[in-house]
Amino acid sequence: MMRMRCAALVSTWKKAAEFEALAATATVDVLRQRYRDIAACYRLLAREREWLIGTGAIEGEQAIDSQRPSSSQGLS
Protein backbone atom coordinates (compact mmCIF):
# COMPACT_ATOMS: atom_id res chain seq x y z
CA MET A 1 0.00 0.00 0.00
CA MET A 2 1.42 3.36 -1.04
CA ARG A 3 1.24 6.09 1.58
CA MET A 4 -0.19 9.37 0.42
CA ARG A 5 1.05 12.60 1.98
CA CYS A 6 -0.50 16.03 1.86
CA ALA A 7 1.11 19.32 2.77
CA ALA A 8 -0.54 19.37 6.19
CA LEU A 9 0.70 15.87 6.92
CA VAL A 10 4.28 16.77 6.06
CA SER A 11 3.90 19.90 8.17
CA THR A 12 2.73 17.77 11.11
CA TRP A 13 5.82 15.55 10.87
CA LYS A 14 8.00 18.68 10.69
CA LYS A 15 6.34 20.10 13.83
CA ALA A 16 7.15 16.85 15.66
CA ALA A 17 10.78 17.17 14.59
CA GLU A 18 10.87 20.81 15.72
CA PHE A 19 9.67 19.88 19.20
CA GLU A 20 12.15 16.98 19.38
CA ALA A 21 14.92 19.47 18.55
CA LEU A 22 13.65 21.82 21.26
CA ALA A 23 13.64 18.94 23.74
CA ALA A 24 17.23 18.09 22.83
CA THR A 25 18.39 21.64 23.57
CA ALA A 26 16.21 22.40 26.62
CA THR A 27 18.14 22.83 29.85
CA VAL A 28 15.13 22.53 32.18
CA ASP A 29 13.99 18.93 32.74
CA VAL A 30 10.28 19.78 32.96
CA LEU A 31 10.43 21.78 29.74
CA ARG A 32 12.40 19.02 28.00
CA GLN A 33 9.72 16.48 28.90
CA ARG A 34 6.92 18.84 27.84
CA TYR A 35 8.56 19.27 24.40
CA ARG A 36 8.91 15.49 24.06
CA ASP A 37 5.23 15.04 24.94
CA ILE A 38 4.18 17.62 22.35
CA ALA A 39 6.37 15.95 19.72
CA ALA A 40 4.73 12.61 20.53
CA CYS A 41 1.29 14.18 20.05
CA TYR A 42 2.26 15.54 16.63
CA ARG A 43 3.62 12.12 15.60
CA LEU A 44 0.38 10.47 16.71
CA LEU A 45 -1.65 13.02 14.76
CA ALA A 46 0.46 12.43 11.63
CA ARG A 47 0.10 8.63 11.89
CA GLU A 48 -3.67 8.92 12.30
CA ARG A 49 -3.91 11.23 9.27
CA GLU A 50 -1.84 8.78 7.22
CA TRP A 51 -4.13 5.95 8.27
CA LEU A 52 -7.29 7.93 7.46
CA ILE A 53 -5.92 8.90 4.05
CA GLY A 54 -4.85 5.30 3.40
CA THR A 55 -8.30 3.94 4.22
CA GLY A 56 -10.01 6.58 2.10
CA ALA A 57 -11.82 8.12 5.07
CA ILE A 58 -10.37 11.51 4.14
CA GLU A 59 -8.89 12.72 0.87
CA GLY A 60 -5.59 14.25 1.87
CA GLU A 61 -5.27 17.92 1.00
CA GLN A 62 -8.91 18.28 -0.09
CA ALA A 63 -10.18 17.40 3.38
CA ILE A 64 -8.03 20.15 4.86
CA ASP A 65 -8.74 22.73 2.15
CA SER A 66 -12.48 22.40 2.68
CA GLN A 67 -12.04 23.76 6.21
CA ARG A 68 -10.26 26.94 5.14
CA PRO A 69 -12.23 30.03 4.14
CA SER A 70 -11.70 30.97 0.53
CA SER A 71 -10.00 34.27 -0.25
CA SER A 72 -13.28 35.65 -1.60
CA GLN A 73 -15.01 35.04 1.76
CA GLY A 74 -12.45 36.99 3.76
CA LEU A 75 -12.20 37.03 7.51
CA SER A 76 -14.32 39.28 9.69
C-alpha atoms as a PDB file:
ATOM      1  CA  MET A   1       0.000   0.000   0.000  1.00  0.00           C
ATOM      2  CA  MET A   2       1.417   3.360  -1.038  1.00  0.00           C
ATOM      3  CA  ARG A   3       1.242   6.089   1.584  1.00  0.00           C
ATOM      4  CA  MET A   4      -0.188   9.366   0.419  1.00  0.00           C
ATOM      5  CA  ARG A   5       1.049  12.600   1.975  1.00  0.00           C
ATOM      6  CA  CYS A   6      -0.495  16.030   1.855  1.00  0.00           C
ATOM      7  CA  ALA A   7       1.114  19.324   2.766  1.00  0.00           C
ATOM      8  CA  ALA A   8      -0.543  19.371   6.186  1.00  0.00           C
ATOM      9  CA  LEU A   9       0.700  15.865   6.920  1.00  0.00           C
ATOM     10  CA  VAL A  10       4.283  16.774   6.059  1.00  0.00           C
ATOM     11  CA  SER A  11       3.896  19.896   8.169  1.00  0.00           C
ATOM     12  CA  THR A  12       2.732  17.771  11.109  1.00  0.00           C
ATOM     13  CA  TRP A  13       5.825  15.545  10.866  1.00  0.00           C
ATOM     14  CA  LYS A  14       7.998  18.683  10.693  1.00  0.00           C
ATOM     15  CA  LYS A  15       6.345  20.097  13.829  1.00  0.00           C
ATOM     16  CA  ALA A  16       7.148  16.855  15.656  1.00  0.00           C
ATOM     17  CA  ALA A  17      10.783  17.173  14.588  1.00  0.00           C
ATOM     18  CA  GLU A  18      10.870  20.811  15.715  1.00  0.00           C
ATOM     19  CA  PHE A  19       9.673  19.882  19.199  1.00  0.00           C
ATOM     20  CA  GLU A  20      12.149  16.984  19.376  1.00  0.00           C
ATOM     21  CA  ALA A  21      14.918  19.467  18.550  1.00  0.00           C
ATOM     22  CA  LEU A  22      13.651  21.823  21.261  1.00  0.00           C
ATOM     23  CA  ALA A  23      13.640  18.935  23.738  1.00  0.00           C
ATOM     24  CA  ALA A  24      17.226  18.093  22.832  1.00  0.00           C
ATOM     25  CA  THR A  25      18.386  21.638  23.570  1.00  0.00           C
ATOM     26  CA  ALA A  26      16.210  22.401  26.615  1.00  0.00           C
ATOM     27  CA  THR A  27      18.137  22.827  29.852  1.00  0.00           C
ATOM     28  CA  VAL A  28      15.132  22.526  32.182  1.00  0.00           C
ATOM     29  CA  ASP A  29      13.988  18.932  32.741  1.00  0.00           C
ATOM     30  CA  VAL A  30      10.282  19.779  32.964  1.00  0.00           C
ATOM     31  CA  LEU A  31      10.430  21.776  29.736  1.00  0.00           C
ATOM     32  CA  ARG A  32      12.403  19.023  27.999  1.00  0.00           C
ATOM     33  CA  GLN A  33       9.719  16.480  28.901  1.00  0.00           C
ATOM     34  CA  ARG A  34       6.922  18.839  27.838  1.00  0.00           C
ATOM     35  CA  TYR A  35       8.562  19.270  24.404  1.00  0.00           C
ATOM     36  CA  ARG A  36       8.910  15.487  24.064  1.00  0.00           C
ATOM     37  CA  ASP A  37       5.233  15.042  24.940  1.00  0.00           C
ATOM     38  CA  ILE A  38       4.183  17.623  22.352  1.00  0.00           C
ATOM     39  CA  ALA A  39       6.371  15.947  19.717  1.00  0.00           C
ATOM     40  CA  ALA A  40       4.730  12.610  20.526  1.00  0.00           C
ATOM     41  CA  CYS A  41       1.293  14.184  20.051  1.00  0.00           C
ATOM     42  CA  TYR A  42       2.263  15.536  16.633  1.00  0.00           C
ATOM     43  CA  ARG A  43       3.623  12.117  15.604  1.00  0.00           C
ATOM     44  CA  LEU A  44       0.380  10.468  16.708  1.00  0.00           C
ATOM     45  CA  LEU A  45      -1.654  13.022  14.755  1.00  0.00           C
ATOM     46  CA  ALA A  46       0.463  12.432  11.635  1.00  0.00           C
ATOM     47  CA  ARG A  47       0.105   8.631  11.885  1.00  0.00           C
ATOM     48  CA  GLU A  48      -3.668   8.924  12.302  1.00  0.00           C
ATOM     49  CA  ARG A  49      -3.912  11.227   9.273  1.00  0.00           C
ATOM     50  CA  GLU A  50      -1.842   8.778   7.216  1.00  0.00           C
ATOM     51  CA  TRP A  51      -4.129   5.948   8.268  1.00  0.00           C
ATOM     52  CA  LEU A  52      -7.293   7.929   7.455  1.00  0.00           C
ATOM     53  CA  ILE A  53      -5.925   8.903   4.048  1.00  0.00           C
ATOM     54  CA  GLY A  54      -4.852   5.301   3.395  1.00  0.00           C
ATOM     55  CA  THR A  55      -8.305   3.935   4.215  1.00  0.00           C
ATOM     56  CA  GLY A  56     -10.014   6.584   2.100  1.00  0.00           C
ATOM     57  CA  ALA A  57     -11.821   8.116   5.073  1.00  0.00           C
ATOM     58  CA  ILE A  58     -10.367  11.512   4.135  1.00  0.00           C
ATOM     59  CA  GLU A  59      -8.893  12.722   0.872  1.00  0.00           C
ATOM     60  CA  GLY A  60      -5.593  14.249   1.873  1.00  0.00           C
ATOM     61  CA  GLU A  61      -5.273  17.916   1.004  1.00  0.00           C
ATOM     62  CA  GLN A  62      -8.915  18.277  -0.089  1.00  0.00           C
ATOM     63  CA  ALA A  63     -10.176  17.403   3.382  1.00  0.00           C
ATOM     64  CA  ILE A  64      -8.032  20.155   4.862  1.00  0.00           C
ATOM     65  CA  ASP A  65      -8.739  22.731   2.150  1.00  0.00           C
ATOM     66  CA  SER A  66     -12.480  22.397   2.681  1.00  0.00           C
ATOM     67  CA  GLN A  67     -12.039  23.757   6.212  1.00  0.00           C
ATOM     68  CA  ARG A  68     -10.255  26.937   5.143  1.00  0.00           C
ATOM     69  CA  PRO A  69     -12.226  30.030   4.141  1.00  0.00           C
ATOM     70  CA  SER A  70     -11.702  30.971   0.527  1.00  0.00           C
ATOM     71  CA  SER A  71      -9.996  34.268  -0.252  1.00  0.00           C
ATOM     72  CA  SER A  72     -13.278  35.651  -1.603  1.00  0.00           C
ATOM     73  CA  GLN A  73     -15.006  35.036   1.757  1.00  0.00           C
ATOM     74  CA  GLY A  74     -12.454  36.986   3.756  1.00  0.00           C
ATOM     75  CA  LEU A  75     -12.200  37.032   7.507  1.00  0.00           C
ATOM     76  CA  SER A  76     -14.316  39.278   9.688  1.00  0.00           C
END
